[in-house]
Amino acid sequence: MSIHIQKIGPLEIEAESFRIISEEVGKTDLDEQTFKVVQRVIHATGDFSFLESMRFSPGAIDAGIRAIREGKNILTDVNMAAAGISKTLLGKWGGRVFCKVADQEVAERAKAEHKTRSEIAIALGLQQNIGIVAIGNAPTALVQSIKILKEDKNSPAPLVVGVPVGFVNAAESKELLTEENSCYITNLGRKGGSPVAAAIVNALLRLSDN
């Protein structure tokens, strides 16, 4: 048998994975904090292309860390993204994760207003002292976030983690984010998803402890 299975303890797997990623990436121009975010995305996906496709607005990581330390909440577009975010690390600072897409009120309003549940859920969720908006699935949710935040000149703008996956408006919504929003973390193209959104937020949560 030519296949070699590495013998490693369960508590050592993540550290070894990050070591392998660092080794395979090699020298990079990314600063330490940015690399840690990208590294966790690669860890979550096994996809090194995120090293080239991810984009950060100036000060985005600092804004996310600040929001977490101020006890602000995190809003996601789908429950899968919410489930992947560490509630233990976030709870240390007093924040909570909100996802309203499955609420009955959202379903009723979406039907009545001929909109997607994601659009309505984001509009309602942004009223919950949100410091980070994490979109991993629905381009409509990202577009709605961009629209609402652009129109709201009174409240401090949250960090938008916009990484929806797919073939219809996913890449386009990310491009819109980089053009219309000044505080974002995103990636170019069709790739993304809830695991990517959760990985980015979890990287910010870990950086908040430093």
C-alpha atoms as a PDB file:
ATOM      1  CA  MET A   1       0.000   0.000   0.000  1.00  0.00           C
ATOM      2  CA  SER A   2       1.551   3.297  -1.132  1.00  0.00           C
ATOM      3  CA  ILE A   3      -0.802   5.651   0.699  1.00  0.00           C
ATOM      4  CA  HIS A   4       0.637   7.094   3.900  1.00  0.00           C
ATOM      5  CA  ILE A   5      -1.781   8.332   6.574  1.00  0.00           C
ATOM      6  CA  GLN A   6      -0.091  10.751   8.940  1.00  0.00           C
ATOM      7  CA  LYS A   7      -0.405   9.866  12.608  1.00  0.00           C
ATOM      8  CA  ILE A   8      -1.341  13.036  14.457  1.00  0.00           C
ATOM      9  CA  GLY A   9      -3.364  13.925  17.540  1.00  0.00           C
ATOM     10  CA  PRO A  10      -6.726  15.682  17.093  1.00  0.00           C
ATOM     11  CA  LEU A  11      -5.526  18.799  18.905  1.00  0.00           C
ATOM     12  CA  GLU A  12      -2.550  19.123  16.566  1.00  0.00           C
ATOM     13  CA  ILE A  13      -4.386  18.871  13.250  1.00  0.00           C
ATOM     14  CA  GLU A  14      -5.226  22.569  12.872  1.00  0.00           C
ATOM     15  CA  ALA A  15      -1.710  23.724  13.758  1.00  0.00           C
ATOM     16  CA  GLU A  16      -0.183  21.251  11.327  1.00  0.00           C
ATOM     17  CA  SER A  17      -2.636  22.319   8.621  1.00  0.00           C
ATOM     18  CA  PHE A  18      -1.668  25.965   9.076  1.00  0.00           C
ATOM     19  CA  ARG A  19       2.015  25.021   8.982  1.00  0.00           C
ATOM     20  CA  ILE A  20       1.501  23.203   5.677  1.00  0.00           C
ATOM     21  CA  ILE A  21      -0.381  26.176   4.223  1.00  0.00           C
ATOM     22  CA  SER A  22       2.388  28.591   5.243  1.00  0.00           C
ATOM     23  CA  GLU A  23       5.015  26.275   3.797  1.00  0.00           C
ATOM     24  CA  GLU A  24       3.197  25.881   0.468  1.00  0.00           C
ATOM     25  CA  VAL A  25       2.426  29.589   0.150  1.00  0.00           C
ATOM     26  CA  GLY A  26       6.019  30.556   0.879  1.00  0.00           C
ATOM     27  CA  LYS A  27       7.035  34.197   0.853  1.00  0.00           C
ATOM     28  CA  THR A  28       4.173  36.660   0.439  1.00  0.00           C
ATOM     29  CA  ASP A  29       3.718  40.421   0.438  1.00  0.00           C
ATOM     30  CA  LEU A  30       0.681  40.189   2.742  1.00  0.00           C
ATOM     31  CA  ASP A  31       0.974  41.665   6.221  1.00  0.00           C
ATOM     32  CA  GLU A  32       0.609  39.274   9.159  1.00  0.00           C
ATOM     33  CA  GLN A  33      -3.057  39.989   9.915  1.00  0.00           C
ATOM     34  CA  THR A  34      -4.161  39.784   6.296  1.00  0.00           C
ATOM     35  CA  PHE A  35      -2.281  36.524   5.826  1.00  0.00           C
ATOM     36  CA  LYS A  36      -3.973  35.019   8.876  1.00  0.00           C
ATOM     37  CA  VAL A  37      -7.384  35.780   7.369  1.00  0.00           C
ATOM     38  CA  VAL A  38      -6.451  34.338   3.983  1.00  0.00           C
ATOM     39  CA  GLN A  39      -4.785  31.360   5.630  1.00  0.00           C
ATOM     40  CA  ARG A  40      -7.971  30.457   7.508  1.00  0.00           C
ATOM     41  CA  VAL A  41      -9.980  30.697   4.287  1.00  0.00           C
ATOM     42  CA  ILE A  42      -7.542  28.340   2.567  1.00  0.00           C
ATOM     43  CA  HIS A  43      -7.789  26.036   5.576  1.00  0.00           C
ATOM     44  CA  ALA A  44     -11.596  25.997   5.301  1.00  0.00           C
ATOM     45  CA  THR A  45     -11.658  25.382   1.552  1.00  0.00           C
ATOM     46  CA  GLY A  46      -8.417  23.669   0.578  1.00  0.00           C
ATOM     47  CA  ASP A  47      -8.244  26.238  -2.213  1.00  0.00           C
ATOM     48  CA  PHE A  48      -5.052  28.260  -2.606  1.00  0.00           C
ATOM     49  CA  SER A  49      -6.589  30.478  -5.292  1.00  0.00           C
ATOM     50  CA  PHE A  50      -8.030  32.647  -2.511  1.00  0.00           C
ATOM     51  CA  LEU A  51      -4.494  33.900  -1.929  1.00  0.00           C
ATOM     52  CA  GLU A  52      -4.794  35.840  -5.183  1.00  0.00           C
ATOM     53  CA  SER A  53      -8.532  36.556  -5.311  1.00  0.00           C
ATOM     54  CA  MET A  54      -9.227  38.071  -1.887  1.00  0.00           C
ATOM     55  CA  ARG A  55      -9.592  41.836  -1.549  1.00  0.00           C
ATOM     56  CA  PHE A  56      -9.481  44.015   1.583  1.00  0.00           C
ATOM     57  CA  SER A  57     -10.442  47.660   1.782  1.00  0.00           C
ATOM     58  CA  PRO A  58      -8.000  49.842   3.764  1.00  0.00           C
ATOM     59  CA  GLY A  59      -8.599  49.360   7.481  1.00  0.00           C
ATOM     60  CA  ALA A  60     -11.112  46.525   7.010  1.00  0.00           C
ATOM     61  CA  ILE A  61      -9.452  44.108   9.422  1.00  0.00           C
ATOM     62  CA  ASP A  62      -9.052  46.794  12.088  1.00  0.00           C
ATOM     63  CA  ALA A  63     -12.729  47.721  11.647  1.00  0.00           C
ATOM     64  CA  GLY A  64     -13.789  44.114  12.159  1.00  0.00           C
ATOM     65  CA  ILE A  65     -11.628  43.724  15.253  1.00  0.00           C
ATOM     66  CA  ARG A  66     -12.941  46.991  16.664  1.00  0.00           C
ATOM     67  CA  ALA A  67     -16.564  45.942  16.107  1.00  0.00           C
ATOM     68  CA  ILE A  68     -15.960  42.642  17.881  1.00  0.00           C
ATOM     69  CA  ARG A  69     -14.228  44.265  20.844  1.00  0.00           C
ATOM     70  CA  GLU A  70     -17.058  46.790  21.151  1.00  0.00           C
ATOM     71  CA  GLY A  71     -19.531  43.929  21.609  1.00  0.00           C
ATOM     72  CA  LYS A  72     -21.358  44.503  18.344  1.00  0.00           C
ATOM     73  CA  ASN A  73     -23.333  41.721  16.692  1.00  0.00           C
ATOM     74  CA  ILE A  74     -22.762  39.773  13.487  1.00  0.00           C
ATOM     75  CA  LEU A  75     -25.443  39.384  10.815  1.00  0.00           C
ATOM     76  CA  THR A  76     -25.353  36.498   8.327  1.00  0.00           C
ATOM     77  CA  ASP A  77     -27.438  35.766   5.255  1.00  0.00           C
ATOM     78  CA  VAL A  78     -27.964  32.053   5.961  1.00  0.00           C
ATOM     79  CA  ASN A  79     -27.941  29.767   8.986  1.00  0.00           C
ATOM     80  CA  MET A  80     -25.003  27.771   7.614  1.00  0.00           C
ATOM     81  CA  ALA A  81     -22.758  30.813   7.911  1.00  0.00           C
ATOM     82  CA  ALA A  82     -24.128  31.572  11.368  1.00  0.00           C
ATOM     83  CA  ALA A  83     -23.469  27.992  12.486  1.00  0.00           C
ATOM     84  CA  GLY A  84     -19.825  28.208  11.433  1.00  0.00           C
ATOM     85  CA  ILE A  85     -19.009  31.295  13.495  1.00  0.00           C
ATOM     86  CA  SER A  86     -17.507  30.700  16.941  1.00  0.00           C
ATOM     87  CA  LYS A  87     -20.146  31.803  19.460  1.00  0.00           C
ATOM     88  CA  THR A  88     -17.678  31.205  22.305  1.00  0.00           C
ATOM     89  CA  LEU A  89     -15.114  33.665  20.972  1.00  0.00           C
ATOM     90  CA  LEU A  90     -17.766  36.228  20.052  1.00  0.00           C
ATOM     91  CA  GLY A  91     -19.599  35.863  23.375  1.00  0.00           C
ATOM     92  CA  LYS A  92     -16.429  36.782  25.226  1.00  0.00           C
ATOM     93  CA  TRP A  93     -16.915  40.329  23.932  1.00  0.00           C
ATOM     94  CA  GLY A  94     -20.702  40.362  24.397  1.00  0.00           C
ATOM     95  CA  GLY A  95     -21.704  39.981  20.739  1.00  0.00           C
ATOM     96  CA  ARG A  96     -24.271  37.666  19.181  1.00  0.00           C
ATOM     97  CA  VAL A  97     -24.879  36.175  15.746  1.00  0.00           C
ATOM     98  CA  PHE A  98     -28.150  36.992  13.995  1.00  0.00           C
ATOM     99  CA  CYS A  99     -29.696  35.286  10.978  1.00  0.00           C
ATOM    100  CA  LYS A 100     -33.335  36.095  10.235  1.00  0.00           C
ATOM    101  CA  VAL A 101     -33.801  34.336   6.903  1.00  0.00           C
ATOM    102  CA  ALA A 102     -35.938  31.552   8.427  1.00  0.00           C
ATOM    103  CA  ASP A 103     -38.188  33.876  10.471  1.00  0.00           C
ATOM    104  CA  GLN A 104     -41.906  33.716   9.733  1.00  0.00           C
ATOM    105  CA  GLU A 105     -42.131  37.500   9.501  1.00  0.00           C
ATOM    106  CA  VAL A 106     -39.432  37.458   6.838  1.00  0.00           C
ATOM    107  CA  ALA A 107     -41.267  34.833   4.788  1.00  0.00           C
ATOM    108  CA  GLU A 108     -44.532  36.769   4.930  1.00  0.00           C
ATOM    109  CA  ARG A 109     -42.972  40.103   4.005  1.00  0.00           C
ATOM    110  CA  ALA A 110     -40.933  38.574   1.187  1.00  0.00           C
ATOM    111  CA  LYS A 111     -44.100  37.126  -0.350  1.00  0.00           C
ATOM    112  CA  ALA A 112     -46.065  40.339   0.081  1.00  0.00           C
ATOM    113  CA  GLU A 113     -43.310  42.587  -1.279  1.00  0.00           C
ATOM    114  CA  HIS A 114     -42.180  40.199  -4.062  1.00  0.00           C
ATOM    115  CA  LYS A 115     -38.627  40.113  -2.733  1.00  0.00           C
ATOM    116  CA  THR A 116     -36.309  37.321  -1.672  1.00  0.00           C
ATOM    117  CA  ARG A 117     -36.162  36.244   1.965  1.00  0.00           C
ATOM    118  CA  SER A 118     -32.523  37.250   1.991  1.00  0.00           C
ATOM    119  CA  GLU A 119     -33.336  40.850   1.073  1.00  0.00           C
ATOM    120  CA  ILE A 120     -35.941  41.188   3.822  1.00  0.00           C
ATOM    121  CA  ALA A 121     -33.812  39.365   6.394  1.00  0.00           C
ATOM    122  CA  ILE A 122     -30.867  41.694   5.811  1.00  0.00           C
ATOM    123  CA  ALA A 123     -33.042  44.806   6.049  1.00  0.00           C
ATOM    124  CA  LEU A 124     -34.474  43.677   9.391  1.00  0.00           C
ATOM    125  CA  GLY A 125     -31.212  42.268  10.714  1.00  0.00           C
ATOM    126  CA  LEU A 126     -29.254  45.466  10.192  1.00  0.00           C
ATOM    127  CA  GLN A 127     -31.315  47.008  12.987  1.00  0.00           C
ATOM    128  CA  GLN A 128     -29.617  44.741  15.573  1.00  0.00           C
ATOM    129  CA  ASN A 129     -26.471  46.755  16.462  1.00  0.00           C
ATOM    130  CA  ILE A 130     -24.519  45.029  13.706  1.00  0.00           C
ATOM    131  CA  GLY A 131     -20.758  45.425  13.459  1.00  0.00           C
ATOM    132  CA  ILE A 132     -20.095  42.795  10.796  1.00  0.00           C
ATOM    133  CA  VAL A 133     -22.320  41.620   7.947  1.00  0.00           C
ATOM    134  CA  ALA A 134     -21.207  38.199   6.670  1.00  0.00           C
ATOM    135  CA  ILE A 135     -22.675  37.128   3.319  1.00  0.00           C
ATOM    136  CA  GLY A 136     -21.649  33.721   1.980  1.00  0.00           C
ATOM    137  CA  ASN A 137     -24.578  32.509  -0.048  1.00  0.00           C
ATOM    138  CA  ALA A 138     -26.997  35.075  -1.450  1.00  0.00           C
ATOM    139  CA  PRO A 139     -25.910  37.799  -3.881  1.00  0.00           C
ATOM    140  CA  THR A 140     -29.309  39.450  -3.281  1.00  0.00           C
ATOM    141  CA  ALA A 141     -28.408  39.791   0.393  1.00  0.00           C
ATOM    142  CA  LEU A 142     -25.094  41.412  -0.479  1.00  0.00           C
ATOM    143  CA  VAL A 143     -26.696  43.835  -2.932  1.00  0.00           C
ATOM    144  CA  GLN A 144     -29.337  44.725  -0.338  1.00  0.00           C
ATOM    145  CA  SER A 145     -26.638  45.341   2.279  1.00  0.00           C
ATOM    146  CA  ILE A 146     -24.742  47.619  -0.090  1.00  0.00           C
ATOM    147  CA  LYS A 147     -27.894  49.571  -0.916  1.00  0.00           C
ATOM    148  CA  ILE A 148     -29.032  50.064   2.690  1.00  0.00           C
ATOM    149  CA  LEU A 149     -25.594  50.994   3.995  1.00  0.00           C
ATOM    150  CA  LYS A 150     -25.063  53.474   1.177  1.00  0.00           C
ATOM    151  CA  GLU A 151     -28.338  55.215   2.019  1.00  0.00           C
ATOM    152  CA  ASP A 152     -27.745  55.251   5.798  1.00  0.00           C
ATOM    153  CA  LYS A 153     -25.535  58.254   6.514  1.00  0.00           C
ATOM    154  CA  ASN A 154     -26.242  58.413  10.254  1.00  0.00           C
ATOM    155  CA  SER A 155     -25.004  55.096  11.671  1.00  0.00           C
ATOM    156  CA  PRO A 156     -21.384  53.865  11.690  1.00  0.00           C
ATOM    157  CA  ALA A 157     -21.021  51.480   8.763  1.00  0.00           C
ATOM    158  CA  PRO A 158     -20.334  47.821   9.636  1.00  0.00           C
ATOM    159  CA  LEU A 159     -17.646  45.748   7.991  1.00  0.00           C
ATOM    160  CA  VAL A 160     -19.160  43.805   5.079  1.00  0.00           C
ATOM    161  CA  VAL A 161     -17.713  40.340   4.501  1.00  0.00           C
ATOM    162  CA  GLY A 162     -19.165  39.688   1.060  1.00  0.00           C
ATOM    163  CA  VAL A 163     -18.252  36.306  -0.435  1.00  0.00           C
ATOM    164  CA  PRO A 164     -21.395  34.820  -2.027  1.00  0.00           C
ATOM    165  CA  VAL A 165     -20.857  31.770  -4.206  1.00  0.00           C
ATOM    166  CA  GLY A 166     -22.533  30.977  -7.501  1.00  0.00           C
ATOM    167  CA  PHE A 167     -23.083  31.734 -11.156  1.00  0.00           C
ATOM    168  CA  VAL A 168     -25.844  34.357 -11.063  1.00  0.00           C
ATOM    169  CA  ASN A 169     -24.742  37.771  -9.765  1.00  0.00           C
ATOM    170  CA  ALA A 170     -22.186  36.386  -7.297  1.00  0.00           C
ATOM    171  CA  ALA A 171     -19.130  37.876  -8.993  1.00  0.00           C
ATOM    172  CA  GLU A 172     -21.059  40.988  -9.968  1.00  0.00           C
ATOM    173  CA  SER A 173     -22.293  41.675  -6.435  1.00  0.00           C
ATOM    174  CA  LYS A 174     -18.721  41.477  -5.147  1.00  0.00           C
ATOM    175  CA  GLU A 175     -17.564  43.968  -7.759  1.00  0.00           C
ATOM    176  CA  LEU A 176     -20.392  46.258  -6.710  1.00  0.00           C
ATOM    177  CA  LEU A 177     -19.248  45.931  -3.097  1.00  0.00           C
ATOM    178  CA  THR A 178     -15.743  47.133  -3.951  1.00  0.00           C
ATOM    179  CA  GLU A 179     -17.165  50.092  -5.881  1.00  0.00           C
ATOM    180  CA  GLU A 180     -19.962  51.194  -3.549  1.00  0.00           C
ATOM    181  CA  ASN A 181     -18.681  50.321  -0.059  1.00  0.00           C
ATOM    182  CA  SER A 182     -15.587  51.551   1.768  1.00  0.00           C
ATOM    183  CA  CYS A 183     -15.282  48.825   4.435  1.00  0.00           C
ATOM    184  CA  TYR A 184     -15.213  45.286   3.048  1.00  0.00           C
ATOM    185  CA  ILE A 185     -13.495  41.929   2.766  1.00  0.00           C
ATOM    186  CA  THR A 186     -14.356  40.012  -0.401  1.00  0.00           C
ATOM    187  CA  ASN A 187     -12.965  37.878  -3.197  1.00  0.00           C
ATOM    188  CA  LEU A 188     -13.155  38.118  -6.948  1.00  0.00           C
ATOM    189  CA  GLY A 189     -15.108  35.668  -9.060  1.00  0.00           C
ATOM    190  CA  ARG A 190     -17.691  32.953  -8.497  1.00  0.00           C
ATOM    191  CA  LYS A 191     -16.033  31.135  -5.610  1.00  0.00           C
ATOM    192  CA  GLY A 192     -17.027  31.761  -1.998  1.00  0.00           C
ATOM    193  CA  GLY A 193     -19.706  30.344   0.247  1.00  0.00           C
ATOM    194  CA  SER A 194     -20.772  30.152   3.868  1.00  0.00           C
ATOM    195  CA  PRO A 195     -17.584  28.319   4.966  1.00  0.00           C
ATOM    196  CA  VAL A 196     -15.538  31.193   3.527  1.00  0.00           C
ATOM    197  CA  ALA A 197     -17.651  33.845   5.262  1.00  0.00           C
ATOM    198  CA  ALA A 198     -17.430  31.983   8.576  1.00  0.00           C
ATOM    199  CA  ALA A 199     -13.680  31.459   8.192  1.00  0.00           C
ATOM    200  CA  ILE A 200     -13.103  35.180   7.670  1.00  0.00           C
ATOM    201  CA  VAL A 201     -15.161  36.099  10.725  1.00  0.00           C
ATOM    202  CA  ASN A 202     -13.450  33.438  12.836  1.00  0.00           C
ATOM    203  CA  ALA A 203     -10.057  34.783  11.782  1.00  0.00           C
ATOM    204  CA  LEU A 204     -11.149  38.257  12.937  1.00  0.00           C
ATOM    205  CA  LEU A 205     -12.371  36.786  16.232  1.00  0.00           C
ATOM    206  CA  ARG A 206      -8.976  35.183  16.847  1.00  0.00           C
ATOM    207  CA  LEU A 207      -7.147  38.365  15.902  1.00  0.00           C
ATOM    208  CA  SER A 208      -9.328  40.225  18.421  1.00  0.00           C
ATOM    209  CA  ASP A 209      -7.743  38.185  21.218  1.00  0.00           C
ATOM    210  CA  ASN A 210      -4.235  39.346  20.336  1.00  0.00           C
END
